C-alpha atoms as a PDB file:
ATOM      1  CA  MET A   1     -27.533   2.304  15.895  1.00  0.00           C
ATOM      2  CA  LYS A   2     -29.395  -0.948  16.287  1.00  0.00           C
ATOM      3  CA  LYS A   3     -30.901  -1.773  19.733  1.00  0.00           C
ATOM      4  CA  ASN A   4     -28.178  -2.886  22.107  1.00  0.00           C
ATOM      5  CA  GLN A   5     -25.570  -2.734  19.358  1.00  0.00           C
ATOM      6  CA  ASP A   6     -23.440  -0.526  21.550  1.00  0.00           C
ATOM      7  CA  ARG A   7     -23.381  -3.265  24.182  1.00  0.00           C
ATOM      8  CA  GLN A   8     -22.440  -5.837  21.556  1.00  0.00           C
ATOM      9  CA  PHE A   9     -19.527  -3.591  20.573  1.00  0.00           C
ATOM     10  CA  GLY A  10     -18.401  -3.489  24.224  1.00  0.00           C
ATOM     11  CA  LYS A  11     -18.784  -7.224  24.575  1.00  0.00           C
ATOM     12  CA  LEU A  12     -16.698  -7.766  21.444  1.00  0.00           C
ATOM     13  CA  VAL A  13     -13.817  -5.968  23.137  1.00  0.00           C
ATOM     14  CA  VAL A  14     -14.037  -7.484  26.630  1.00  0.00           C
ATOM     15  CA  ASP A  15     -14.525 -11.067  25.251  1.00  0.00           C
ATOM     16  CA  PHE A  16     -11.387 -10.595  23.115  1.00  0.00           C
ATOM     17  CA  VAL A  17      -9.382  -9.329  26.141  1.00  0.00           C
ATOM     18  CA  ASN A  18     -10.686 -11.989  28.546  1.00  0.00           C
ATOM     19  CA  ALA A  19      -9.982 -14.978  26.206  1.00  0.00           C
ATOM     20  CA  PRO A  20      -7.670 -17.409  28.017  1.00  0.00           C
ATOM     21  CA  THR A  21      -5.451 -18.022  25.007  1.00  0.00           C
ATOM     22  CA  ALA A  22      -4.486 -16.137  21.831  1.00  0.00           C
ATOM     23  CA  GLU A  23      -6.218 -18.721  19.666  1.00  0.00           C
ATOM     24  CA  GLU A  24      -9.428 -18.319  21.589  1.00  0.00           C
ATOM     25  CA  ALA A  25      -9.057 -14.539  21.405  1.00  0.00           C
ATOM     26  CA  GLY A  26      -9.116 -14.852  17.595  1.00  0.00           C
ATOM     27  CA  SER A  27     -12.412 -16.901  17.589  1.00  0.00           C
ATOM     28  CA  ALA A  28     -13.905 -14.529  20.202  1.00  0.00           C
ATOM     29  CA  PHE A  29     -13.065 -11.627  17.908  1.00  0.00           C
ATOM     30  CA  ILE A  30     -14.885 -13.239  14.944  1.00  0.00           C
ATOM     31  CA  ARG A  31     -17.923 -14.181  17.020  1.00  0.00           C
ATOM     32  CA  GLY A  32     -18.024 -10.712  18.541  1.00  0.00           C
ATOM     33  CA  ALA A  33     -17.899  -9.082  15.073  1.00  0.00           C
ATOM     34  CA  ALA A  34     -20.738 -11.343  13.931  1.00  0.00           C
ATOM     35  CA  ALA A  35     -22.953 -10.310  16.763  1.00  0.00           C
ATOM     36  CA  ALA A  36     -22.040  -6.590  16.752  1.00  0.00           C
ATOM     37  CA  PHE A  37     -22.393  -6.143  13.007  1.00  0.00           C
ATOM     38  CA  GLY A  38     -25.296  -8.528  12.640  1.00  0.00           C
ATOM     39  CA  PHE A  39     -23.616 -10.856  10.063  1.00  0.00           C
ATOM     40  CA  GLY A  40     -25.490 -14.035  11.079  1.00  0.00           C
ATOM     41  CA  HIS A  41     -24.680 -17.806  11.305  1.00  0.00           C
ATOM     42  CA  GLY A  42     -23.713 -18.173   7.607  1.00  0.00           C
ATOM     43  CA  PHE A  43     -20.953 -15.676   8.160  1.00  0.00           C
ATOM     44  CA  LEU A  44     -19.702 -17.491  11.220  1.00  0.00           C
ATOM     45  CA  ASP A  45     -19.409 -20.836   9.484  1.00  0.00           C
ATOM     46  CA  GLN A  46     -17.387 -19.236   6.711  1.00  0.00           C
ATOM     47  CA  ALA A  47     -15.234 -16.996   8.851  1.00  0.00           C
ATOM     48  CA  LEU A  48     -14.401 -19.584  11.504  1.00  0.00           C
ATOM     49  CA  GLY A  49     -13.880 -22.286   8.896  1.00  0.00           C
ATOM     50  CA  ARG A  50     -11.128 -20.210   7.205  1.00  0.00           C
ATOM     51  CA  TYR A  51      -9.678 -18.695  10.361  1.00  0.00           C
ATOM     52  CA  PRO A  52      -6.066 -19.988  10.843  1.00  0.00           C
ATOM     53  CA  THR A  53      -5.766 -21.936  14.054  1.00  0.00           C
ATOM     54  CA  LEU A  54      -3.436 -24.606  15.403  1.00  0.00           C
ATOM     55  CA  GLN A  55      -6.417 -26.981  15.495  1.00  0.00           C
ATOM     56  CA  LEU A  56      -6.932 -26.506  11.755  1.00  0.00           C
ATOM     57  CA  PHE A  57      -3.275 -27.115  11.198  1.00  0.00           C
ATOM     58  CA  GLU A  58      -3.432 -30.426  13.170  1.00  0.00           C
ATOM     59  CA  ASP A  59      -6.541 -31.525  11.239  1.00  0.00           C
ATOM     60  CA  ALA A  60      -4.778 -30.811   7.947  1.00  0.00           C
ATOM     61  CA  LEU A  61      -1.472 -32.416   8.786  1.00  0.00           C
ATOM     62  CA  SER A  62      -1.127 -36.015   7.608  1.00  0.00           C
ATOM     63  CA  ALA A  63       0.550 -38.584   9.828  1.00  0.00           C
ATOM     64  CA  GLY A  64       3.152 -39.366   7.157  1.00  0.00           C
ATOM     65  CA  ASP A  65       4.287 -35.775   6.913  1.00  0.00           C
ATOM     66  CA  ARG A  66       4.320 -34.950  10.659  1.00  0.00           C
ATOM     67  CA  GLY A  67       8.002 -35.926  11.284  1.00  0.00           C
ATOM     68  CA  LEU A  68       9.341 -33.825   8.349  1.00  0.00           C
ATOM     69  CA  VAL A  69       7.104 -30.891   9.214  1.00  0.00           C
ATOM     70  CA  GLU A  70       8.344 -30.936  12.798  1.00  0.00           C
ATOM     71  CA  LEU A  71      11.954 -30.857  11.601  1.00  0.00           C
ATOM     72  CA  LEU A  72      11.231 -27.998   9.177  1.00  0.00           C
ATOM     73  CA  LEU A  73       9.583 -26.035  12.025  1.00  0.00           C
ATOM     74  CA  GLU A  74      12.692 -26.623  14.159  1.00  0.00           C
ATOM     75  CA  GLU A  75      14.858 -25.460  11.238  1.00  0.00           C
ATOM     76  CA  ARG A  76      12.909 -22.271  11.064  1.00  0.00           C
ATOM     77  CA  ARG A  77      13.198 -21.742  14.806  1.00  0.00           C
ATOM     78  CA  LEU A  78      16.960 -22.134  14.792  1.00  0.00           C
ATOM     79  CA  LEU A  79      17.277 -19.808  11.825  1.00  0.00           C
ATOM     80  CA  SER A  80      15.223 -17.251  13.683  1.00  0.00           C
ATOM     81  CA  VAL A  81      17.431 -17.581  16.771  1.00  0.00           C
ATOM     82  CA  VAL A  82      20.628 -17.103  14.760  1.00  0.00           C
ATOM     83  CA  ASN A  83      19.319 -14.081  12.869  1.00  0.00           C
ATOM     84  CA  ASN A  84      17.948 -12.392  16.005  1.00  0.00           C
ATOM     85  CA  LEU A  85      21.177 -12.578  18.030  1.00  0.00           C
ATOM     86  CA  PRO A  86      22.343  -9.160  19.134  1.00  0.00           C
ATOM     87  CA  CYS A  87      25.147  -8.818  16.616  1.00  0.00           C
ATOM     88  CA  ASN A  88      25.780  -7.586  13.041  1.00  0.00           C
ATOM     89  CA  ILE A  89      25.959 -11.028  11.448  1.00  0.00           C
ATOM     90  CA  SER A  90      23.064 -12.877   9.906  1.00  0.00           C
ATOM     91  CA  LEU A  91      22.723 -16.171   7.988  1.00  0.00           C
ATOM     92  CA  ALA A  92      21.365 -15.429   4.496  1.00  0.00           C
ATOM     93  CA  SER A  93      21.210 -18.900   3.129  1.00  0.00           C
ATOM     94  CA  TYR A  94      22.586 -22.487   3.266  1.00  0.00           C
ATOM     95  CA  ASP A  95      23.071 -24.569   0.157  1.00  0.00           C
ATOM     96  CA  CYS A  96      22.638 -28.009   1.704  1.00  0.00           C
ATOM     97  CA  ASP A  97      22.008 -29.895  -1.509  1.00  0.00           C
ATOM     98  CA  GLU A  98      25.088 -29.145  -3.522  1.00  0.00           C
ATOM     99  CA  GLU A  99      28.045 -27.131  -2.236  1.00  0.00           C
ATOM    100  CA  ARG A 100      27.118 -27.187   1.472  1.00  0.00           C
ATOM    101  CA  VAL A 101      28.009 -23.486   1.816  1.00  0.00           C
ATOM    102  CA  LEU A 102      26.717 -21.093   4.486  1.00  0.00           C
ATOM    103  CA  THR A 103      26.256 -17.558   3.225  1.00  0.00           C
ATOM    104  CA  PHE A 104      26.446 -14.781   5.881  1.00  0.00           C
ATOM    105  CA  LYS A 105      25.583 -11.113   5.577  1.00  0.00           C
ATOM    106  CA  ILE A 106      27.527  -8.716   7.806  1.00  0.00           C
ATOM    107  CA  GLN A 107      26.677  -5.147   8.610  1.00  0.00           C
ATOM    108  CA  PRO A 108      29.860  -3.033   8.494  1.00  0.00           C
ATOM    109  CA  LEU A 109      30.960  -1.671  11.852  1.00  0.00           C
ATOM    110  CA  GLU A 110      31.906   1.640  10.290  1.00  0.00           C
ATOM    111  CA  PRO A 111      30.590   3.275   7.041  1.00  0.00           C
ATOM    112  CA  LYS A 112      32.688   2.532   3.909  1.00  0.00           C
ATOM    113  CA  TRP A 113      32.762   6.009   2.506  1.00  0.00           C
ATOM    114  CA  ASP A 114      34.585   4.951  -0.648  1.00  0.00           C
ATOM    115  CA  ASN A 115      31.608   2.726  -1.626  1.00  0.00           C
ATOM    116  CA  GLU A 116      28.529   3.977  -3.419  1.00  0.00           C
ATOM    117  CA  ASN A 117      26.506   2.507  -0.535  1.00  0.00           C
ATOM    118  CA  PRO A 118      28.605   3.114   2.630  1.00  0.00           C
ATOM    119  CA  TYR A 119      26.382   0.723   4.596  1.00  0.00           C
ATOM    120  CA  GLU A 120      26.316  -2.111   2.072  1.00  0.00           C
ATOM    121  CA  GLU A 121      26.497  -5.510   3.720  1.00  0.00           C
ATOM    122  CA  ASP A 122      29.522  -7.728   3.255  1.00  0.00           C
ATOM    123  CA  VAL A 123      28.889 -11.283   2.015  1.00  0.00           C
ATOM    124  CA  VAL A 124      30.968 -14.097   3.519  1.00  0.00           C
ATOM    125  CA  ARG A 125      30.745 -17.738   2.523  1.00  0.00           C
ATOM    126  CA  VAL A 126      31.868 -20.590   4.684  1.00  0.00           C
ATOM    127  CA  ALA A 127      32.107 -24.178   3.276  1.00  0.00           C
ATOM    128  CA  VAL A 128      30.698 -26.790   5.657  1.00  0.00           C
ATOM    129  CA  GLY A 129      32.268 -29.663   3.789  1.00  0.00           C
ATOM    130  CA  THR A 130      31.348 -33.311   4.320  1.00  0.00           C
ATOM    131  CA  GLY A 131      32.557 -33.938   7.843  1.00  0.00           C
ATOM    132  CA  GLY A 132      34.394 -32.543  10.812  1.00  0.00           C
ATOM    133  CA  GLY A 133      33.913 -29.168  12.591  1.00  0.00           C
ATOM    134  CA  LYS A 134      36.579 -27.091  10.833  1.00  0.00           C
ATOM    135  CA  TRP A 135      33.929 -24.882   9.352  1.00  0.00           C
ATOM    136  CA  LEU A 136      32.833 -23.852  12.924  1.00  0.00           C
ATOM    137  CA  ASP A 137      36.420 -22.559  13.402  1.00  0.00           C
ATOM    138  CA  GLU A 138      36.014 -20.435  10.307  1.00  0.00           C
ATOM    139  CA  VAL A 139      32.756 -19.034  11.545  1.00  0.00           C
ATOM    140  CA  ALA A 140      34.377 -18.230  14.918  1.00  0.00           C
ATOM    141  CA  GLU A 141      37.230 -16.481  13.182  1.00  0.00           C
ATOM    142  CA  MET A 142      34.838 -14.503  10.934  1.00  0.00           C
ATOM    143  CA  PHE A 143      32.898 -13.468  14.030  1.00  0.00           C
ATOM    144  CA  ASP A 144      36.001 -12.350  15.905  1.00  0.00           C
ATOM    145  CA  ASP A 145      37.175 -10.330  12.871  1.00  0.00           C
ATOM    146  CA  ARG A 146      33.930  -8.593  12.069  1.00  0.00           C
ATOM    147  CA  ALA A 147      31.683  -8.430  15.221  1.00  0.00           C
ATOM    148  CA  PRO A 148      31.956  -5.697  17.826  1.00  0.00           C
ATOM    149  CA  LEU A 149      34.763  -6.450  20.291  1.00  0.00           C
ATOM    150  CA  THR A 150      33.044  -6.537  23.686  1.00  0.00           C
ATOM    151  CA  THR A 151      33.077  -9.014  26.550  1.00  0.00           C
ATOM    152  CA  GLU A 152      29.378  -9.664  26.110  1.00  0.00           C
ATOM    153  CA  MET A 153      29.907 -10.727  22.457  1.00  0.00           C
ATOM    154  CA  ASP A 154      31.850 -13.817  23.622  1.00  0.00           C
ATOM    155  CA  GLU A 155      28.586 -15.236  24.894  1.00  0.00           C
ATOM    156  CA  VAL A 156      26.802 -14.261  21.636  1.00  0.00           C
ATOM    157  CA  ARG A 157      29.514 -16.015  19.613  1.00  0.00           C
ATOM    158  CA  GLU A 158      29.180 -19.203  21.601  1.00  0.00           C
ATOM    159  CA  ARG A 159      25.433 -19.042  21.140  1.00  0.00           C
ATOM    160  CA  LEU A 160      25.818 -18.502  17.361  1.00  0.00           C
ATOM    161  CA  LEU A 161      28.218 -21.443  16.989  1.00  0.00           C
ATOM    162  CA  ALA A 162      26.033 -23.815  19.062  1.00  0.00           C
ATOM    163  CA  CYS A 163      22.910 -22.948  17.000  1.00  0.00           C
ATOM    164  CA  LEU A 164      24.771 -23.300  13.718  1.00  0.00           C
ATOM    165  CA  ALA A 165      26.097 -26.712  14.720  1.00  0.00           C
ATOM    166  CA  GLU A 166      22.600 -27.843  15.610  1.00  0.00           C
ATOM    167  CA  TYR A 167      21.241 -26.231  12.432  1.00  0.00           C
ATOM    168  CA  ILE A 168      23.632 -28.166  10.151  1.00  0.00           C
ATOM    169  CA  THR A 169      22.845 -31.482  11.869  1.00  0.00           C
ATOM    170  CA  LEU A 170      19.145 -30.740  11.465  1.00  0.00           C
ATOM    171  CA  THR A 171      19.307 -29.869   7.791  1.00  0.00           C
ATOM    172  CA  ASP A 172      21.322 -33.102   7.165  1.00  0.00           C
ATOM    173  CA  ARG A 173      18.419 -35.097   8.721  1.00  0.00           C
ATOM    174  CA  ILE A 174      15.965 -33.153   6.560  1.00  0.00           C
ATOM    175  CA  LEU A 175      17.984 -33.798   3.462  1.00  0.00           C
ATOM    176  CA  GLU A 176      17.994 -37.558   4.128  1.00  0.00           C
ATOM    177  CA  ILE A 177      14.276 -37.622   4.412  1.00  0.00           C
ATOM    178  CA  ARG A 178      13.720 -35.483   1.334  1.00  0.00           C
ATOM    179  CA  ARG A 179      15.887 -37.862  -0.771  1.00  0.00           C
ATOM    180  CA  ASP A 180      13.598 -40.807   0.137  1.00  0.00           C
ATOM    181  CA  ILE A 181      10.221 -39.156  -0.602  1.00  0.00           C
ATOM    182  CA  PRO A 182       8.698 -37.699  -3.807  1.00  0.00           C
ATOM    183  CA  PRO A 183       9.182 -33.961  -4.358  1.00  0.00           C
ATOM    184  CA  GLU A 184       5.434 -33.396  -4.026  1.00  0.00           C
ATOM    185  CA  ARG A 185       5.516 -34.593  -0.426  1.00  0.00           C
ATOM    186  CA  THR A 186       8.488 -32.370   0.402  1.00  0.00           C
ATOM    187  CA  HIS A 187       6.605 -29.425  -1.143  1.00  0.00           C
ATOM    188  CA  GLU A 188       3.480 -30.267   0.895  1.00  0.00           C
ATOM    189  CA  ALA A 189       5.516 -30.513   4.181  1.00  0.00           C
ATOM    190  CA  GLN A 190       7.082 -27.121   3.419  1.00  0.00           C
ATOM    191  CA  LYS A 191       3.672 -25.580   2.831  1.00  0.00           C
ATOM    192  CA  MET A 192       2.401 -27.072   6.103  1.00  0.00           C
ATOM    193  CA  ALA A 193       5.468 -25.676   7.990  1.00  0.00           C
ATOM    194  CA  ALA A 194       4.874 -22.201   6.455  1.00  0.00           C
ATOM    195  CA  TYR A 195       1.121 -22.486   7.485  1.00  0.00           C
ATOM    196  CA  HIS A 196       2.161 -23.244  11.053  1.00  0.00           C
ATOM    197  CA  SER A 197       4.564 -20.344  11.151  1.00  0.00           C
ATOM    198  CA  ARG A 198       1.848 -18.043   9.828  1.00  0.00           C
ATOM    199  CA  ILE A 199      -0.553 -19.191  12.549  1.00  0.00           C
ATOM    200  CA  GLN A 200       2.098 -18.713  15.273  1.00  0.00           C
ATOM    201  CA  ALA A 201       2.990 -15.233  14.045  1.00  0.00           C
ATOM    202  CA  GLU A 202      -0.717 -14.349  14.068  1.00  0.00           C
ATOM    203  CA  GLN A 203      -1.071 -15.633  17.652  1.00  0.00           C
ATOM    204  CA  ASP A 204       1.926 -13.618  18.723  1.00  0.00           C
ATOM    205  CA  VAL A 205       0.131 -10.526  17.426  1.00  0.00           C
ATOM    206  CA  LEU A 206      -3.019 -11.539  19.276  1.00  0.00           C
ATOM    207  CA  ALA A 207      -1.194 -12.064  22.553  1.00  0.00           C
ATOM    208  CA  GLU A 208       0.449  -8.675  22.271  1.00  0.00           C
ATOM    209  CA  LEU A 209      -2.876  -7.019  21.386  1.00  0.00           C
ATOM    210  CA  GLN A 210      -4.616  -8.727  24.398  1.00  0.00           C
ATOM    211  CA  GLU A 211      -2.053  -7.283  26.720  1.00  0.00           C
ATOM    212  CA  ARG A 212      -2.230  -3.864  25.081  1.00  0.00           C
ATOM    213  CA  TRP A 213      -6.046  -3.817  25.364  1.00  0.00           C
ATOM    214  CA  ARG A 214      -5.943  -4.947  29.007  1.00  0.00           C
ATOM    215  CA  MET A 215      -3.930  -1.789  29.665  1.00  0.00           C
ATOM    216  CA  ILE A 216      -6.279   0.327  27.569  1.00  0.00           C
ATOM    217  CA  LEU A 217      -9.399  -0.849  29.393  1.00  0.00           C
ATOM    218  CA  GLY A 218      -7.729  -0.442  32.730  1.00  0.00           C
ATOM    219  CA  GLU A 219      -6.592   3.127  32.028  1.00  0.00           C
ATOM    220  CA  VAL A 220     -10.003   4.222  30.584  1.00  0.00           C
ATOM    221  CA  LEU A 221     -11.710   2.571  33.590  1.00  0.00           C
ATOM    222  CA  GLU A 222      -9.590   4.467  36.092  1.00  0.00           C
ATOM    223  CA  ALA A 223      -9.294   7.851  34.282  1.00  0.00           C
ATOM    224  CA  GLN A 224     -10.593  10.759  36.323  1.00  0.00           C
ATOM    225  CA  ASP A 225     -10.821  13.171  33.309  1.00  0.00           C
ATOM    226  CA  LEU A 226     -11.533  11.524  29.984  1.00  0.00           C
ATOM    227  CA  SER A 227     -11.092  14.790  28.142  1.00  0.00           C
ATOM    228  CA  ARG A 228      -7.398  14.732  29.106  1.00  0.00           C
ATOM    229  CA  ASP A 229      -6.821  10.950  29.045  1.00  0.00           C
ATOM    230  CA  GLN A 230      -4.046  10.355  26.461  1.00  0.00           C
ATOM    231  CA  THR A 231      -5.026   6.684  25.984  1.00  0.00           C
ATOM    232  CA  LEU A 232      -8.537   7.661  24.923  1.00  0.00           C
ATOM    233  CA  LEU A 233      -7.260  10.583  22.739  1.00  0.00           C
ATOM    234  CA  ASP A 234      -4.930   8.122  20.956  1.00  0.00           C
ATOM    235  CA  LEU A 235      -7.824   5.776  20.303  1.00  0.00           C
ATOM    236  CA  LEU A 236      -9.872   8.662  18.887  1.00  0.00           C
ATOM    237  CA  LEU A 237      -7.082   9.439  16.369  1.00  0.00           C
ATOM    238  CA  VAL A 238      -7.392   5.838  15.105  1.00  0.00           C
ATOM    239  CA  TYR A 239     -11.188   5.915  15.235  1.00  0.00           C
ATOM    240  CA  ASN A 240     -11.394   9.060  13.140  1.00  0.00           C
ATOM    241  CA  MET A 241      -9.117   7.587  10.504  1.00  0.00           C
ATOM    242  CA  VAL A 242     -10.990   4.292  10.371  1.00  0.00           C
ATOM    243  CA  ASN A 243     -14.536   5.741  10.513  1.00  0.00           C
ATOM    244  CA  ARG A 244     -14.713   7.057   6.988  1.00  0.00           C
ATOM    245  CA  ARG A 245     -17.747   5.702   5.259  1.00  0.00           C
ATOM    246  CA  GLU A 246     -18.066   5.617   1.471  1.00  0.00           C
ATOM    247  CA  THR A 247     -21.158   6.376  -0.567  1.00  0.00           C
ATOM    248  CA  ALA A 248     -21.738   4.027  -3.464  1.00  0.00           C
ATOM    249  CA  VAL A 249     -24.342   3.343  -6.195  1.00  0.00           C
ATOM    250  CA  SER A 250     -26.322   0.120  -6.268  1.00  0.00           C
ATOM    251  CA  ASP A 251     -27.321  -1.908  -9.296  1.00  0.00           C
ATOM    252  CA  ASP A 252     -30.691  -0.184  -9.404  1.00  0.00           C
ATOM    253  CA  GLY A 253     -29.122   3.279  -9.379  1.00  0.00           C
ATOM    254  CA  ALA A 254     -29.798   4.119  -5.697  1.00  0.00           C
ATOM    255  CA  LEU A 255     -27.076   5.766  -3.629  1.00  0.00           C
ATOM    256  CA  TYR A 256     -26.242   4.219  -0.392  1.00  0.00           C
ATOM    257  CA  GLU A 257     -23.630   4.313   2.426  1.00  0.00           C
ATOM    258  CA  LYS A 258     -21.363   1.266   2.358  1.00  0.00           C
ATOM    259  CA  PRO A 259     -20.861  -0.534   5.726  1.00  0.00           C
ATOM    260  CA  LEU A 260     -17.624   0.368   7.377  1.00  0.00           C
ATOM    261  CA  PHE A 261     -16.832  -3.340   7.981  1.00  0.00           C
ATOM    262  CA  GLU A 262     -18.379  -5.748   5.515  1.00  0.00           C
ATOM    263  CA  PRO A 263     -18.328  -9.579   6.005  1.00  0.00           C
ATOM    264  CA  GLY A 264     -15.482  -9.787   3.483  1.00  0.00           C
ATOM    265  CA  TYR A 265     -13.211  -7.822   5.773  1.00  0.00           C
ATOM    266  CA  PHE A 266     -13.267 -10.756   8.235  1.00  0.00           C
ATOM    267  CA  THR A 267     -13.523 -13.668   5.761  1.00  0.00           C
ATOM    268  CA  GLU A 268     -10.831 -12.401   3.386  1.00  0.00           C
ATOM    269  CA  ARG A 269      -8.470 -11.309   6.104  1.00  0.00           C
ATOM    270  CA  SER A 270      -7.979  -7.671   4.906  1.00  0.00           C
ATOM    271  CA  GLY A 271      -4.957  -5.726   5.927  1.00  0.00           C
ATOM    272  CA  LEU A 272      -2.002  -6.396   8.159  1.00  0.00           C
ATOM    273  CA  ALA A 273      -2.565  -8.619  11.222  1.00  0.00           C
ATOM    274  CA  ASP A 274      -2.141  -5.935  13.799  1.00  0.00           C
ATOM    275  CA  GLU A 275      -4.332  -3.386  12.005  1.00  0.00           C
ATOM    276  CA  TYR A 276      -6.912  -6.048  11.047  1.00  0.00           C
ATOM    277  CA  TYR A 277      -7.783  -6.562  14.721  1.00  0.00           C
ATOM    278  CA  HIS A 278      -6.859  -3.279  16.251  1.00  0.00           C
ATOM    279  CA  ASN A 279      -8.963  -1.108  13.856  1.00  0.00           C
ATOM    280  CA  VAL A 280     -12.151  -3.112  14.667  1.00  0.00           C
ATOM    281  CA  LEU A 281     -11.408  -3.097  18.411  1.00  0.00           C
ATOM    282  CA  VAL A 282     -10.917   0.689  18.410  1.00  0.00           C
ATOM    283  CA  PHE A 283     -14.120   1.277  16.421  1.00  0.00           C
ATOM    284  CA  ALA A 284     -16.139  -1.028  18.637  1.00  0.00           C
ATOM    285  CA  PHE A 285     -14.786   0.445  21.879  1.00  0.00           C
ATOM    286  CA  ILE A 286     -15.460   4.081  20.827  1.00  0.00           C
ATOM    287  CA  GLU A 287     -18.968   3.128  19.604  1.00  0.00           C
ATOM    288  CA  PHE A 288     -19.544   1.569  23.043  1.00  0.00           C
ATOM    289  CA  LEU A 289     -18.269   4.673  24.927  1.00  0.00           C
ATOM    290  CA  LYS A 290     -20.252   7.097  22.733  1.00  0.00           C
ATOM    291  CA  VAL A 291     -23.510   5.939  24.417  1.00  0.00           C
ATOM    292  CA  ALA A 292     -24.085   7.896  27.552  1.00  0.00           C
ATOM    293  CA  GLY A 293     -23.582   5.900  30.701  1.00  0.00           C
ATOM    294  CA  ASN A 294     -21.796   2.973  29.082  1.00  0.00           C
ATOM    295  CA  ARG A 295     -18.456   3.772  30.638  1.00  0.00           C
ATOM    296  CA  LYS A 296     -19.931   3.382  34.059  1.00  0.00           C
ATOM    297  CA  THR A 297     -20.962  -0.162  33.193  1.00  0.00           C
ATOM    298  CA  LEU A 298     -17.393  -1.213  32.353  1.00  0.00           C
ATOM    299  CA  ARG A 299     -16.104  -3.178  35.286  1.00  0.00           C
ATOM    300  CA  LYS A 300     -13.072  -5.247  36.367  1.00  0.00           C
ATOM    301  CA  CYS A 301     -13.932  -8.359  38.321  1.00  0.00           C
ATOM    302  CA  ALA A 302     -12.793  -8.143  41.937  1.00  0.00           C
ATOM    303  CA  ARG A 303     -12.274 -11.872  41.983  1.00  0.00           C
ATOM    304  CA  CYS A 304     -10.671 -12.908  38.680  1.00  0.00           C
ATOM    305  CA  ASP A 305      -9.676  -9.493  37.176  1.00  0.00           C
ATOM    306  CA  ALA A 306     -11.585 -10.161  34.022  1.00  0.00           C
ATOM    307  CA  PHE A 307     -13.307  -7.138  32.472  1.00  0.00           C
ATOM    308  CA  PHE A 308     -17.098  -7.175  32.015  1.00  0.00           C
ATOM    309  CA  ILE A 309     -20.089  -5.001  31.268  1.00  0.00           C
ATOM    310  CA  ALA A 310     -22.574  -4.662  34.051  1.00  0.00           C
ATOM    311  CA  GLY A 311     -26.217  -5.188  33.236  1.00  0.00           C
ATOM    312  CA  PRO A 312     -28.765  -2.419  33.271  1.00  0.00           C
ATOM    313  CA  GLY A 313     -29.514  -1.190  36.787  1.00  0.00           C
ATOM    314  CA  ARG A 314     -26.600  -3.180  38.274  1.00  0.00           C
ATOM    315  CA  THR A 315     -23.974  -0.482  38.604  1.00  0.00           C
ATOM    316  CA  ALA A 316     -22.807  -1.762  41.987  1.00  0.00           C
ATOM    317  CA  ASN A 317     -21.863  -5.364  41.075  1.00  0.00           C
ATOM    318  CA  LYS A 318     -18.216  -6.125  41.521  1.00  0.00           C
ATOM    319  CA  ARG A 319     -17.933  -9.611  39.951  1.00  0.00           C
ATOM    320  CA  CYS A 320     -18.233 -10.877  36.417  1.00  0.00           C
ATOM    321  CA  GLY A 321     -21.101 -13.189  35.612  1.00  0.00           C
ATOM    322  CA  ARG A 322     -19.001 -16.310  35.988  1.00  0.00           C
ATOM    323  CA  CYS A 323     -17.651 -15.337  39.443  1.00  0.00           C
ATOM    324  CA  ALA A 324     -21.038 -14.082  40.554  1.00  0.00           C
ATOM    325  CA  LYS A 325     -22.371 -17.621  40.227  1.00  0.00           C
ATOM    326  CA  LYS A 326     -19.696 -18.957  42.532  1.00  0.00           C
ATOM    327  CA  LYS A 327     -20.298 -18.795  46.256  1.00  0.00           C
ATOM    328  CA  GLY A 328     -17.766 -16.537  48.052  1.00  0.00           C
ATOM    329  CA  PRO A 329     -17.770 -15.128  51.578  1.00  0.00           C
ATOM    330  CA  GLY A 330     -18.752 -11.485  51.990  1.00  0.00           C
ATOM    331  CA  THR A 331     -18.338 -10.145  48.482  1.00  0.00           C
ATOM    332  CA  ARG A 332     -21.137  -8.051  47.081  1.00  0.00           C
ATOM    333  CA  VAL A 333     -22.188  -9.099  43.627  1.00  0.00           C
END
């Protein structure tokens, strides 16, 4: 291991956990990987330049498309709300251009044993029409006939109807705008809305991972017997699956061991979002802990609760570097 690489691995993890926002956690992850694996400034420019952030989204969004993109994002949000209500009914599609028909998929309340697939979803279509709210009555009737009959479901039905009414009004506004602009601009706005949704989904993963790793660091920090600590044992299972290096042959015929994480892993966004981050964090944390004495340098700041790694020979300090610079009464640093 390169000199101080173990501490760089530890810093990668604590900087990720301490980041004040999910977006900053992502950039801290990239910067930490660059330092720990020795990728250099060229890598940073490329990786950060391609890393999906809300700032990149804002920079790429033209003023003329902003209004339509915001409506498309609200449309996605409402559709997500409708399809995540605690019931057996979901909205599969809405033909707003031609027939103005809502298509619902409904999970059967009981298996239909006379069908080849007893759990096959029913498809119900409701025509919205060109005016009035009669279609909402049809949706309510469909819900009453096919959703579980419980008192709590009355509230779910009202939420479903309210969201659908808002959804139809919104799609009408979107359709009016689309009819007045070239198809290319509509396509571009849809791409930007999808890009924003991807960024938001990634940041949701980052926020969940930050919380999970706060718990991991806290448990390892407080564990009395690491050999029996289930959190660490679970991390080791992942580490042993990830830490499988391959031997390859170079252009000049020499055999060499391929790096476990090459720059392309970070610039090409390999793997699923959760695994993409978690595998590196697990590897880095175990590499940090493998060096004798490193666990004793892992600290939680007594002032701000941030995690930090104490410097050599400073095993008693109780504040992170930022809080240690601030004057405070009676706290040993």
